[in-house]
PDB file of N, CA and C in Angstrom:
ATOM      1  N   MET A   1      37.297 -27.891 -25.929  1.00  0.00           N
ATOM      2  CA  MET A   1      36.340 -28.955 -26.015  1.00  0.00           C
ATOM      3  C   MET A   1      35.659 -29.164 -24.620  1.00  0.00           C
ATOM      4  N   THR A   2      34.259 -28.959 -24.426  1.00  0.00           N
ATOM      5  CA  THR A   2      33.487 -29.073 -23.253  1.00  0.00           C
ATOM      6  C   THR A   2      33.061 -30.390 -23.059  1.00  0.00           C
ATOM      7  N   ILE A   3      32.965 -30.794 -21.899  1.00  0.00           N
ATOM      8  CA  ILE A   3      32.033 -32.266 -21.731  1.00  0.00           C
ATOM      9  C   ILE A   3      30.763 -32.370 -22.865  1.00  0.00           C
ATOM     10  N   GLU A   4      30.032 -31.529 -22.742  1.00  0.00           N
ATOM     11  CA  GLU A   4      29.056 -31.427 -23.755  1.00  0.00           C
ATOM     12  C   GLU A   4      29.306 -31.995 -25.128  1.00  0.00           C
ATOM     13  N   ALA A   5      30.535 -31.199 -25.704  1.00  0.00           N
ATOM     14  CA  ALA A   5      30.939 -31.027 -26.966  1.00  0.00           C
ATOM     15  C   ALA A   5      31.772 -32.441 -27.454  1.00  0.00           C
ATOM     16  N   THR A   6      31.988 -33.053 -26.567  1.00  0.00           N
ATOM     17  CA  THR A   6      32.952 -34.544 -26.377  1.00  0.00           C
ATOM     18  C   THR A   6      32.331 -35.474 -27.257  1.00  0.00           C
ATOM     19  N   THR A   7      32.813 -35.768 -28.502  1.00  0.00           N
ATOM     20  CA  THR A   7      32.248 -36.952 -29.347  1.00  0.00           C
ATOM     21  C   THR A   7      32.917 -38.358 -29.034  1.00  0.00           C
ATOM     22  N   VAL A   8      32.094 -39.272 -28.488  1.00  0.00           N
ATOM     23  CA  VAL A   8      32.584 -40.485 -28.038  1.00  0.00           C
ATOM     24  C   VAL A   8      32.542 -41.345 -28.931  1.00  0.00           C
ATOM     25  N   SER A   9      33.708 -42.278 -29.262  1.00  0.00           N
ATOM     26  CA  SER A   9      33.547 -43.241 -30.071  1.00  0.00           C
ATOM     27  C   SER A   9      33.909 -44.745 -29.306  1.00  0.00           C
ATOM     28  N   PHE A  10      33.455 -45.722 -29.999  1.00  0.00           N
ATOM     29  CA  PHE A  10      33.940 -47.103 -29.183  1.00  0.00           C
ATOM     30  C   PHE A  10      35.054 -47.894 -29.795  1.00  0.00           C
ATOM     31  N   PRO A  11      35.883 -48.272 -29.086  1.00  0.00           N
ATOM     32  CA  PRO A  11      36.067 -48.006 -27.703  1.00  0.00           C
ATOM     33  C   PRO A  11      36.268 -46.931 -27.269  1.00  0.00           C
ATOM     34  N   LEU A  12      36.266 -46.360 -25.755  1.00  0.00           N
ATOM     35  CA  LEU A  12      36.604 -44.975 -25.545  1.00  0.00           C
ATOM     36  C   LEU A  12      38.018 -44.903 -25.564  1.00  0.00           C
ATOM     37  N   GLN A  13      38.582 -43.825 -26.233  1.00  0.00           N
ATOM     38  CA  GLN A  13      39.861 -43.458 -26.349  1.00  0.00           C
ATOM     39  C   GLN A  13      40.475 -42.997 -25.166  1.00  0.00           C
ATOM     40  N   GLU A  14      41.654 -43.074 -24.892  1.00  0.00           N
ATOM     41  CA  GLU A  14      42.432 -42.358 -23.782  1.00  0.00           C
ATOM     42  C   GLU A  14      42.329 -40.922 -23.585  1.00  0.00           C
ATOM     43  N   LYS A  15      42.437 -40.386 -25.019  1.00  0.00           N
ATOM     44  CA  LYS A  15      42.285 -39.229 -24.948  1.00  0.00           C
ATOM     45  C   LYS A  15      41.021 -38.489 -24.736  1.00  0.00           C
ATOM     46  N   ILE A  16      40.255 -39.177 -24.861  1.00  0.00           N
ATOM     47  CA  ILE A  16      38.945 -38.716 -24.593  1.00  0.00           C
ATOM     48  C   ILE A  16      38.141 -38.775 -23.348  1.00  0.00           C
ATOM     49  N   ALA A  17      38.671 -39.849 -22.821  1.00  0.00           N
ATOM     50  CA  ALA A  17      38.487 -40.399 -21.256  1.00  0.00           C
ATOM     51  C   ALA A  17      39.217 -39.476 -20.446  1.00  0.00           C
ATOM     52  N   LYS A  18      40.428 -38.759 -20.786  1.00  0.00           N
ATOM     53  CA  LYS A  18      41.043 -38.030 -19.803  1.00  0.00           C
ATOM     54  C   LYS A  18      40.451 -36.635 -19.917  1.00  0.00           C
ATOM     55  N   LYS A  19      40.103 -36.382 -21.338  1.00  0.00           N
ATOM     56  CA  LYS A  19      39.733 -34.992 -21.331  1.00  0.00           C
ATOM     57  C   LYS A  19      38.515 -34.850 -20.421  1.00  0.00           C
ATOM     58  N   ILE A  20      37.234 -36.023 -20.596  1.00  0.00           N
ATOM     59  CA  ILE A  20      36.116 -35.910 -19.758  1.00  0.00           C
ATOM     60  C   ILE A  20      36.399 -35.845 -18.321  1.00  0.00           C
ATOM     61  N   VAL A  21      37.506 -36.646 -17.603  1.00  0.00           N
ATOM     62  CA  VAL A  21      37.658 -36.693 -16.497  1.00  0.00           C
ATOM     63  C   VAL A  21      38.212 -35.179 -15.954  1.00  0.00           C
ATOM     64  N   GLN A  22      38.987 -34.851 -16.851  1.00  0.00           N
ATOM     65  CA  GLN A  22      39.734 -33.329 -16.578  1.00  0.00           C
ATOM     66  C   GLN A  22      38.728 -32.365 -16.315  1.00  0.00           C
ATOM     67  N   ASP A  23      37.660 -32.256 -17.227  1.00  0.00           N
ATOM     68  CA  ASP A  23      36.637 -31.384 -17.295  1.00  0.00           C
ATOM     69  C   ASP A  23      35.777 -31.497 -16.234  1.00  0.00           C
ATOM     70  N   LEU A  24      35.413 -32.848 -15.594  1.00  0.00           N
ATOM     71  CA  LEU A  24      34.585 -32.871 -14.615  1.00  0.00           C
ATOM     72  C   LEU A  24      35.406 -32.400 -13.154  1.00  0.00           C
ATOM     73  N   ALA A  25      36.519 -32.615 -13.089  1.00  0.00           N
ATOM     74  CA  ALA A  25      37.337 -32.465 -11.972  1.00  0.00           C
ATOM     75  C   ALA A  25      37.551 -30.823 -12.013  1.00  0.00           C
ATOM     76  N   LEU A  26      37.849 -29.988 -13.009  1.00  0.00           N
ATOM     77  CA  LEU A  26      37.944 -28.889 -13.273  1.00  0.00           C
ATOM     78  C   LEU A  26      36.835 -27.759 -13.128  1.00  0.00           C
ATOM     79  N   THR A  27      35.560 -28.310 -13.774  1.00  0.00           N
ATOM     80  CA  THR A  27      34.302 -27.685 -14.037  1.00  0.00           C
ATOM     81  C   THR A  27      33.112 -28.272 -13.353  1.00  0.00           C
ATOM     82  N   ALA A  28      33.317 -29.353 -12.854  1.00  0.00           N
ATOM     83  CA  ALA A  28      32.131 -30.187 -12.033  1.00  0.00           C
ATOM     84  C   ALA A  28      32.289 -31.167 -11.267  1.00  0.00           C
ATOM     85  N   SER A  29      33.240 -30.986 -10.122  1.00  0.00           N
ATOM     86  CA  SER A  29      33.590 -31.814  -9.331  1.00  0.00           C
ATOM     87  C   SER A  29      32.476 -32.549  -8.427  1.00  0.00           C
ATOM     88  N   HIS A  30      31.315 -32.111  -8.599  1.00  0.00           N
ATOM     89  CA  HIS A  30      29.982 -32.355  -7.747  1.00  0.00           C
ATOM     90  C   HIS A  30      29.816 -33.848  -8.555  1.00  0.00           C
ATOM     91  N   LYS A  31      30.248 -33.993  -9.751  1.00  0.00           N
ATOM     92  CA  LYS A  31      30.047 -35.568 -10.379  1.00  0.00           C
ATOM     93  C   LYS A  31      31.141 -36.267 -10.278  1.00  0.00           C
ATOM     94  N   ILE A  32      31.666 -35.966  -9.442  1.00  0.00           N
ATOM     95  CA  ILE A  32      33.075 -36.968  -9.057  1.00  0.00           C
ATOM     96  C   ILE A  32      32.774 -37.528  -7.771  1.00  0.00           C
ATOM     97  N   ARG A  33      32.389 -38.813  -7.450  1.00  0.00           N
ATOM     98  CA  ARG A  33      32.043 -39.236  -6.298  1.00  0.00           C
ATOM     99  C   ARG A  33      33.108 -40.409  -5.743  1.00  0.00           C
ATOM    100  N   PHE A  34      33.293 -40.213  -4.453  1.00  0.00           N
ATOM    101  CA  PHE A  34      34.187 -41.447  -3.914  1.00  0.00           C
ATOM    102  C   PHE A  34      33.349 -42.469  -3.190  1.00  0.00           C
ATOM    103  N   GLY A  35      33.828 -43.743  -3.734  1.00  0.00           N
ATOM    104  CA  GLY A  35      33.283 -44.815  -3.086  1.00  0.00           C
ATOM    105  C   GLY A  35      33.890 -44.979  -1.424  1.00  0.00           C
ATOM    106  N   SER A  36      33.252 -45.777  -0.930  1.00  0.00           N
ATOM    107  CA  SER A  36      33.356 -45.856   0.578  1.00  0.00           C
ATOM    108  C   SER A  36      34.896 -46.561   0.892  1.00  0.00           C
ATOM    109  N   HIS A  37      35.288 -47.483  -0.068  1.00  0.00           N
ATOM    110  CA  HIS A  37      36.483 -48.099  -0.335  1.00  0.00           C
ATOM    111  C   HIS A  37      37.585 -47.076  -0.706  1.00  0.00           C
ATOM    112  N   ALA A  38      37.575 -46.196  -1.554  1.00  0.00           N
ATOM    113  CA  ALA A  38      38.466 -45.118  -1.779  1.00  0.00           C
ATOM    114  C   ALA A  38      38.618 -44.264  -0.779  1.00  0.00           C
ATOM    115  N   LYS A  39      37.333 -43.698   0.052  1.00  0.00           N
ATOM    116  CA  LYS A  39      37.819 -42.919   1.309  1.00  0.00           C
ATOM    117  C   LYS A  39      38.428 -43.516   2.218  1.00  0.00           C
ATOM    118  N   GLN A  40      38.369 -44.846   2.295  1.00  0.00           N
ATOM    119  CA  GLN A  40      38.894 -45.433   3.464  1.00  0.00           C
ATOM    120  C   GLN A  40      40.544 -45.555   3.199  1.00  0.00           C
ATOM    121  N   ARG A  41      40.616 -46.142   1.952  1.00  0.00           N
ATOM    122  CA  ARG A  41      42.187 -46.088   1.688  1.00  0.00           C
ATOM    123  C   ARG A  41      42.816 -44.712   1.165  1.00  0.00           C
ATOM    124  N   MET A  42      42.356 -43.671   1.137  1.00  0.00           N
ATOM    125  CA  MET A  42      42.835 -42.606   1.183  1.00  0.00           C
ATOM    126  C   MET A  42      43.231 -42.092   2.864  1.00  0.00           C
ATOM    127  N   ILE A  43      42.307 -42.357   3.625  1.00  0.00           N
ATOM    128  CA  ILE A  43      42.540 -42.167   5.392  1.00  0.00           C
ATOM    129  C   ILE A  43      43.598 -42.971   5.509  1.00  0.00           C
ATOM    130  N   GLU A  44      43.811 -44.365   5.140  1.00  0.00           N
ATOM    131  CA  GLU A  44      44.994 -45.119   5.323  1.00  0.00           C
ATOM    132  C   GLU A  44      46.418 -44.658   4.960  1.00  0.00           C
ATOM    133  N   ARG A  45      46.110 -44.279   3.515  1.00  0.00           N
ATOM    134  CA  ARG A  45      47.474 -43.533   3.047  1.00  0.00           C
ATOM    135  C   ARG A  45      47.507 -42.242   3.114  1.00  0.00           C
ATOM    136  N   GLY A  46      47.000 -41.526   3.774  1.00  0.00           N
ATOM    137  CA  GLY A  46      47.290 -40.016   3.816  1.00  0.00           C
ATOM    138  C   GLY A  46      47.031 -39.317   2.558  1.00  0.00           C
ATOM    139  N   ILE A  47      46.258 -39.803   1.637  1.00  0.00           N
ATOM    140  CA  ILE A  47      46.215 -39.120   0.373  1.00  0.00           C
ATOM    141  C   ILE A  47      44.761 -38.091   0.725  1.00  0.00           C
ATOM    142  N   SER A  48      44.705 -36.621   0.242  1.00  0.00           N
ATOM    143  CA  SER A  48      43.594 -35.780   0.397  1.00  0.00           C
ATOM    144  C   SER A  48      43.168 -35.898  -0.955  1.00  0.00           C
ATOM    145  N   THR A  49      41.446 -35.185  -0.747  1.00  0.00           N
ATOM    146  CA  THR A  49      40.808 -35.115  -1.992  1.00  0.00           C
ATOM    147  C   THR A  49      41.551 -34.312  -3.145  1.00  0.00           C
ATOM    148  N   LYS A  50      41.992 -33.447  -2.580  1.00  0.00           N
ATOM    149  CA  LYS A  50      42.764 -32.294  -3.204  1.00  0.00           C
ATOM    150  C   LYS A  50      43.930 -32.932  -4.254  1.00  0.00           C
ATOM    151  N   GLN A  51      44.709 -34.107  -3.572  1.00  0.00           N
ATOM    152  CA  GLN A  51      45.630 -34.477  -4.267  1.00  0.00           C
ATOM    153  C   GLN A  51      44.871 -35.596  -5.549  1.00  0.00           C
ATOM    154  N   VAL A  52      43.933 -36.290  -5.094  1.00  0.00           N
ATOM    155  CA  VAL A  52      43.257 -37.178  -6.126  1.00  0.00           C
ATOM    156  C   VAL A  52      42.669 -36.282  -7.103  1.00  0.00           C
ATOM    157  N   MET A  53      41.959 -35.094  -6.850  1.00  0.00           N
ATOM    158  CA  MET A  53      41.630 -33.885  -7.760  1.00  0.00           C
ATOM    159  C   MET A  53      42.761 -33.451  -8.647  1.00  0.00           C
ATOM    160  N   THR A  54      43.898 -33.458  -8.139  1.00  0.00           N
ATOM    161  CA  THR A  54      44.933 -32.846  -8.933  1.00  0.00           C
ATOM    162  C   THR A  54      45.421 -33.895  -9.948  1.00  0.00           C
ATOM    163  N   VAL A  55      45.712 -35.291  -9.789  1.00  0.00           N
ATOM    164  CA  VAL A  55      45.808 -36.279 -10.614  1.00  0.00           C
ATOM    165  C   VAL A  55      44.914 -36.293 -11.644  1.00  0.00           C
ATOM    166  N   LEU A  56      43.803 -35.968 -11.709  1.00  0.00           N
ATOM    167  CA  LEU A  56      42.623 -36.352 -12.182  1.00  0.00           C
ATOM    168  C   LEU A  56      42.655 -35.057 -13.143  1.00  0.00           C
ATOM    169  N   GLN A  57      43.114 -33.950 -12.889  1.00  0.00           N
ATOM    170  CA  GLN A  57      43.129 -32.702 -13.851  1.00  0.00           C
ATOM    171  C   GLN A  57      44.162 -32.236 -14.497  1.00  0.00           C
ATOM    172  N   ASP A  58      45.273 -32.909 -14.136  1.00  0.00           N
ATOM    173  CA  ASP A  58      46.808 -32.946 -14.650  1.00  0.00           C
ATOM    174  C   ASP A  58      47.049 -33.448 -15.707  1.00  0.00           C
ATOM    175  N   ASN A  59      47.384 -32.554 -17.067  1.00  0.00           N
ATOM    176  CA  ASN A  59      47.688 -33.501 -18.358  1.00  0.00           C
ATOM    177  C   ASN A  59      48.607 -34.211 -18.299  1.00  0.00           C
ATOM    178  N   ALA A  60      49.521 -34.149 -17.371  1.00  0.00           N
ATOM    179  CA  ALA A  60      50.761 -35.221 -17.191  1.00  0.00           C
ATOM    180  C   ALA A  60      50.732 -36.578 -16.439  1.00  0.00           C
ATOM    181  N   SER A  61      49.118 -36.691 -16.056  1.00  0.00           N
ATOM    182  CA  SER A  61      48.905 -37.673 -15.523  1.00  0.00           C
ATOM    183  C   SER A  61      48.905 -38.782 -16.658  1.00  0.00           C
ATOM    184  N   ARG A  62      49.419 -39.965 -16.472  1.00  0.00           N
ATOM    185  CA  ARG A  62      49.247 -41.112 -17.433  1.00  0.00           C
ATOM    186  C   ARG A  62      48.599 -42.465 -17.180  1.00  0.00           C
ATOM    187  N   PHE A  63      48.030 -42.970 -18.150  1.00  0.00           N
ATOM    188  CA  PHE A  63      47.322 -44.446 -18.032  1.00  0.00           C
ATOM    189  C   PHE A  63      47.962 -45.516 -17.653  1.00  0.00           C
ATOM    190  N   THR A  64      47.951 -46.055 -16.414  1.00  0.00           N
ATOM    191  CA  THR A  64      48.399 -47.381 -16.199  1.00  0.00           C
ATOM    192  C   THR A  64      47.628 -48.496 -16.622  1.00  0.00           C
ATOM    193  N   GLU A  65      46.476 -48.334 -16.867  1.00  0.00           N
ATOM    194  CA  GLU A  65      45.330 -49.128 -17.311  1.00  0.00           C
ATOM    195  C   GLU A  65      44.472 -48.115 -18.389  1.00  0.00           C
ATOM    196  N   LYS A  66      44.396 -48.934 -19.409  1.00  0.00           N
ATOM    197  CA  LYS A  66      43.216 -48.115 -20.428  1.00  0.00           C
ATOM    198  C   LYS A  66      42.207 -48.229 -20.227  1.00  0.00           C
ATOM    199  N   PRO A  67      41.354 -47.263 -20.460  1.00  0.00           N
ATOM    200  CA  PRO A  67      39.892 -47.595 -20.567  1.00  0.00           C
ATOM    201  C   PRO A  67      39.330 -48.687 -21.026  1.00  0.00           C
ATOM    202  N   HIS A  68      38.450 -49.389 -20.321  1.00  0.00           N
ATOM    203  CA  HIS A  68      37.865 -50.599 -20.584  1.00  0.00           C
ATOM    204  C   HIS A  68      36.686 -50.849 -20.302  1.00  0.00           C
ATOM    205  N   LEU A  69      35.678 -51.275 -21.060  1.00  0.00           N
ATOM    206  CA  LEU A  69      34.172 -51.450 -20.864  1.00  0.00           C
ATOM    207  C   LEU A  69      34.024 -52.445 -19.479  1.00  0.00           C
ATOM    208  N   THR A  70      33.230 -51.911 -18.833  1.00  0.00           N
ATOM    209  CA  THR A  70      32.869 -53.020 -17.642  1.00  0.00           C
ATOM    210  C   THR A  70      31.499 -53.719 -17.790  1.00  0.00           C
ATOM    211  N   ALA A  71      31.097 -54.834 -17.189  1.00  0.00           N
ATOM    212  CA  ALA A  71      29.830 -55.076 -17.347  1.00  0.00           C
ATOM    213  C   ALA A  71      28.537 -54.320 -17.275  1.00  0.00           C
ATOM    214  N   SER A  72      28.862 -53.288 -16.141  1.00  0.00           N
ATOM    215  CA  SER A  72      27.638 -52.175 -15.983  1.00  0.00           C
ATOM    216  C   SER A  72      27.915 -51.165 -17.151  1.00  0.00           C
ATOM    217  N   ALA A  73      28.434 -51.469 -18.370  1.00  0.00           N
ATOM    218  CA  ALA A  73      28.657 -50.279 -19.357  1.00  0.00           C
ATOM    219  C   ALA A  73      29.092 -48.963 -18.996  1.00  0.00           C
ATOM    220  N   SER A  74      30.202 -49.117 -18.153  1.00  0.00           N
ATOM    221  CA  SER A  74      30.814 -47.904 -17.684  1.00  0.00           C
ATOM    222  C   SER A  74      32.138 -48.279 -18.376  1.00  0.00           C
ATOM    223  N   TRP A  75      33.105 -47.619 -18.146  1.00  0.00           N
ATOM    224  CA  TRP A  75      34.404 -47.227 -18.717  1.00  0.00           C
ATOM    225  C   TRP A  75      35.504 -47.010 -17.388  1.00  0.00           C
ATOM    226  N   LYS A  76      36.250 -48.213 -17.078  1.00  0.00           N
ATOM    227  CA  LYS A  76      37.249 -48.404 -15.808  1.00  0.00           C
ATOM    228  C   LYS A  76      38.394 -48.032 -16.356  1.00  0.00           C
ATOM    229  N   PHE A  77      39.371 -47.063 -15.638  1.00  0.00           N
ATOM    230  CA  PHE A  77      40.861 -46.877 -16.027  1.00  0.00           C
ATOM    231  C   PHE A  77      41.644 -46.328 -14.575  1.00  0.00           C
ATOM    232  N   ASN A  78      42.781 -46.389 -15.014  1.00  0.00           N
ATOM    233  CA  ASN A  78      43.706 -46.051 -13.974  1.00  0.00           C
ATOM    234  C   ASN A  78      44.318 -44.951 -14.475  1.00  0.00           C
ATOM    235  N   LEU A  79      44.627 -43.849 -13.590  1.00  0.00           N
ATOM    236  CA  LEU A  79      45.348 -42.719 -13.838  1.00  0.00           C
ATOM    237  C   LEU A  79      46.713 -42.634 -12.831  1.00  0.00           C
ATOM    238  N   GLN A  80      47.561 -42.411 -13.029  1.00  0.00           N
ATOM    239  CA  GLN A  80      48.527 -42.121 -12.331  1.00  0.00           C
ATOM    240  C   GLN A  80      49.391 -40.917 -12.595  1.00  0.00           C
ATOM    241  N   GLY A  81      49.257 -40.149 -11.366  1.00  0.00           N
ATOM    242  CA  GLY A  81      49.974 -38.586 -11.345  1.00  0.00           C
ATOM    243  C   GLY A  81      51.113 -38.333 -10.118  1.00  0.00           C
ATOM    244  N   PHE A  82      51.308 -37.086 -10.092  1.00  0.00           N
ATOM    245  CA  PHE A  82      51.933 -36.665  -9.144  1.00  0.00           C
ATOM    246  C   PHE A  82      51.428 -35.598  -8.345  1.00  0.00           C
ATOM    247  N   ALA A  83      51.232 -35.636  -6.883  1.00  0.00           N
ATOM    248  CA  ALA A  83      50.546 -34.482  -6.291  1.00  0.00           C
ATOM    249  C   ALA A  83      51.010 -34.437  -4.946  1.00  0.00           C
ATOM    250  N   ALA A  84      51.208 -33.361  -4.481  1.00  0.00           N
ATOM    251  CA  ALA A  84      51.999 -32.989  -3.125  1.00  0.00           C
ATOM    252  C   ALA A  84      53.128 -33.755  -2.897  1.00  0.00           C
ATOM    253  N   GLY A  85      53.866 -33.851  -3.870  1.00  0.00           N
ATOM    254  CA  GLY A  85      55.002 -34.846  -3.387  1.00  0.00           C
ATOM    255  C   GLY A  85      55.133 -36.319  -3.303  1.00  0.00           C
ATOM    256  N   GLU A  86      53.735 -36.697  -3.743  1.00  0.00           N
ATOM    257  CA  GLU A  86      53.537 -38.363  -3.847  1.00  0.00           C
ATOM    258  C   GLU A  86      53.037 -38.735  -5.232  1.00  0.00           C
ATOM    259  N   ILE A  87      53.627 -40.010  -5.475  1.00  0.00           N
ATOM    260  CA  ILE A  87      53.015 -40.537  -6.591  1.00  0.00           C
ATOM    261  C   ILE A  87      51.901 -41.332  -6.630  1.00  0.00           C
ATOM    262  N   ILE A  88      50.606 -40.750  -7.024  1.00  0.00           N
ATOM    263  CA  ILE A  88      49.109 -41.580  -6.729  1.00  0.00           C
ATOM    264  C   ILE A  88      48.721 -42.190  -7.998  1.00  0.00           C
ATOM    265  N   GLU A  89      48.070 -43.336  -7.693  1.00  0.00           N
ATOM    266  CA  GLU A  89      46.989 -43.863  -8.590  1.00  0.00           C
ATOM    267  C   GLU A  89      45.606 -43.752  -8.412  1.00  0.00           C
ATOM    268  N   VAL A  90      45.065 -43.492  -9.192  1.00  0.00           N
ATOM    269  CA  VAL A  90      43.839 -43.226  -9.116  1.00  0.00           C
ATOM    270  C   VAL A  90      42.853 -44.250 -10.094  1.00  0.00           C
ATOM    271  N   VAL A  91      41.797 -45.168  -9.556  1.00  0.00           N
ATOM    272  CA  VAL A  91      41.163 -45.755 -10.507  1.00  0.00           C
ATOM    273  C   VAL A  91      39.799 -45.331 -10.384  1.00  0.00           C
ATOM    274  N   VAL A  92      39.226 -45.058 -11.842  1.00  0.00           N
ATOM    275  CA  VAL A  92      37.941 -44.232 -11.960  1.00  0.00           C
ATOM    276  C   VAL A  92      37.345 -45.390 -12.956  1.00  0.00           C
ATOM    277  N   ASP A  93      35.732 -45.194 -12.656  1.00  0.00           N
ATOM    278  CA  ASP A  93      34.709 -45.552 -13.258  1.00  0.00           C
ATOM    279  C   ASP A  93      33.999 -44.417 -13.880  1.00  0.00           C
ATOM    280  N   LEU A  94      34.048 -44.223 -15.062  1.00  0.00           N
ATOM    281  CA  LEU A  94      33.501 -43.244 -15.782  1.00  0.00           C
ATOM    282  C   LEU A  94      32.167 -43.619 -16.287  1.00  0.00           C
ATOM    283  N   LYS A  95      30.849 -43.222 -15.838  1.00  0.00           N
ATOM    284  CA  LYS A  95      29.403 -43.397 -16.405  1.00  0.00           C
ATOM    285  C   LYS A  95      28.899 -42.446 -17.282  1.00  0.00           C
ATOM    286  N   ASN A  96      28.139 -42.841 -18.264  1.00  0.00           N
ATOM    287  CA  ASN A  96      26.948 -41.875 -18.955  1.00  0.00           C
ATOM    288  C   ASN A  96      28.174 -40.846 -19.807  1.00  0.00           C
ATOM    289  N   VAL A  97      29.216 -41.593 -20.543  1.00  0.00           N
ATOM    290  CA  VAL A  97      30.009 -40.857 -21.135  1.00  0.00           C
ATOM    291  C   VAL A  97      29.337 -39.937 -22.022  1.00  0.00           C
ATOM    292  N   GLU A  98      28.483 -40.760 -22.864  1.00  0.00           N
ATOM    293  CA  GLU A  98      27.787 -39.718 -23.990  1.00  0.00           C
ATOM    294  C   GLU A  98      26.747 -38.840 -23.689  1.00  0.00           C
ATOM    295  N   ASN A  99      26.054 -38.848 -22.384  1.00  0.00           N
ATOM    296  CA  ASN A  99      25.170 -38.090 -22.174  1.00  0.00           C
ATOM    297  C   ASN A  99      25.442 -36.932 -20.885  1.00  0.00           C
ATOM    298  N   ASP A 100      25.757 -37.704 -20.008  1.00  0.00           N
ATOM    299  CA  ASP A 100      25.722 -36.801 -18.513  1.00  0.00           C
ATOM    300  C   ASP A 100      27.014 -37.274 -17.876  1.00  0.00           C
ATOM    301  N   PRO A 101      28.231 -36.956 -18.313  1.00  0.00           N
ATOM    302  CA  PRO A 101      29.330 -37.865 -17.697  1.00  0.00           C
ATOM    303  C   PRO A 101      29.530 -37.602 -15.891  1.00  0.00           C
ATOM    304  N   ASN A 102      29.828 -38.934 -15.295  1.00  0.00           N
ATOM    305  CA  ASN A 102      29.990 -38.794 -14.009  1.00  0.00           C
ATOM    306  C   ASN A 102      31.192 -39.689 -13.740  1.00  0.00           C
ATOM    307  N   ALA A 103      31.856 -39.464 -12.594  1.00  0.00           N
ATOM    308  CA  ALA A 103      32.941 -40.335 -12.252  1.00  0.00           C
ATOM    309  C   ALA A 103      32.807 -40.885 -11.036  1.00  0.00           C
ATOM    310  N   PHE A 104      33.549 -42.155 -10.721  1.00  0.00           N
ATOM    311  CA  PHE A 104      33.141 -42.944  -9.243  1.00  0.00           C
ATOM    312  C   PHE A 104      34.641 -43.025  -9.206  1.00  0.00           C
ATOM    313  N   VAL A 105      35.416 -42.798  -7.970  1.00  0.00           N
ATOM    314  CA  VAL A 105      36.733 -43.300  -7.573  1.00  0.00           C
ATOM    315  C   VAL A 105      36.539 -44.171  -6.933  1.00  0.00           C
ATOM    316  N   VAL A 106      36.932 -45.658  -7.523  1.00  0.00           N
ATOM    317  CA  VAL A 106      37.127 -46.905  -6.798  1.00  0.00           C
ATOM    318  C   VAL A 106      37.931 -47.134  -5.671  1.00  0.00           C
ATOM    319  N   THR A 107      39.306 -46.638  -5.973  1.00  0.00           N
ATOM    320  CA  THR A 107      40.163 -46.708  -4.909  1.00  0.00           C
ATOM    321  C   THR A 107      41.306 -45.785  -5.306  1.00  0.00           C
ATOM    322  N   VAL A 108      42.412 -45.618  -4.268  1.00  0.00           N
ATOM    323  CA  VAL A 108      43.275 -44.880  -4.756  1.00  0.00           C
ATOM    324  C   VAL A 108      44.599 -45.256  -3.956  1.00  0.00           C
ATOM    325  N   ILE A 109      45.739 -45.257  -4.898  1.00  0.00           N
ATOM    326  CA  ILE A 109      46.921 -46.151  -4.359  1.00  0.00           C
ATOM    327  C   ILE A 109      48.050 -45.423  -4.348  1.00  0.00           C
ATOM    328  N   LEU A 110      48.846 -45.085  -3.475  1.00  0.00           N
ATOM    329  CA  LEU A 110      49.986 -44.519  -3.193  1.00  0.00           C
ATOM    330  C   LEU A 110      51.018 -45.338  -3.637  1.00  0.00           C
ATOM    331  N   LYS A 111      51.841 -44.931  -4.450  1.00  0.00           N
ATOM    332  CA  LYS A 111      52.986 -45.586  -5.167  1.00  0.00           C
ATOM    333  C   LYS A 111      54.540 -45.269  -4.543  1.00  0.00           C
TER     334      LYS A 111
END
């Protein structure tokens, strides 16, 4: 399934949210933006962009907070995974899931 072929239902299912973010991380990383807060926390916590992308790509990553609709009509969720010896949780805001998906990394937490 490609990003374009993903059928989105309401509410956004975990399986679909994970597939969209995996596809973005694997084939369209330019559509994943890092907010200034996330960048600062990555520096403070010694987490690399590669580690974040690994968590987003990995099928073994799990939801610690399920996708929920925000006031700005995007879908926010937390994915936790293992990258470079660290357990990392990534807070993601997924936008335009039906037309042209893109993701915004809100923050990154070292567990």
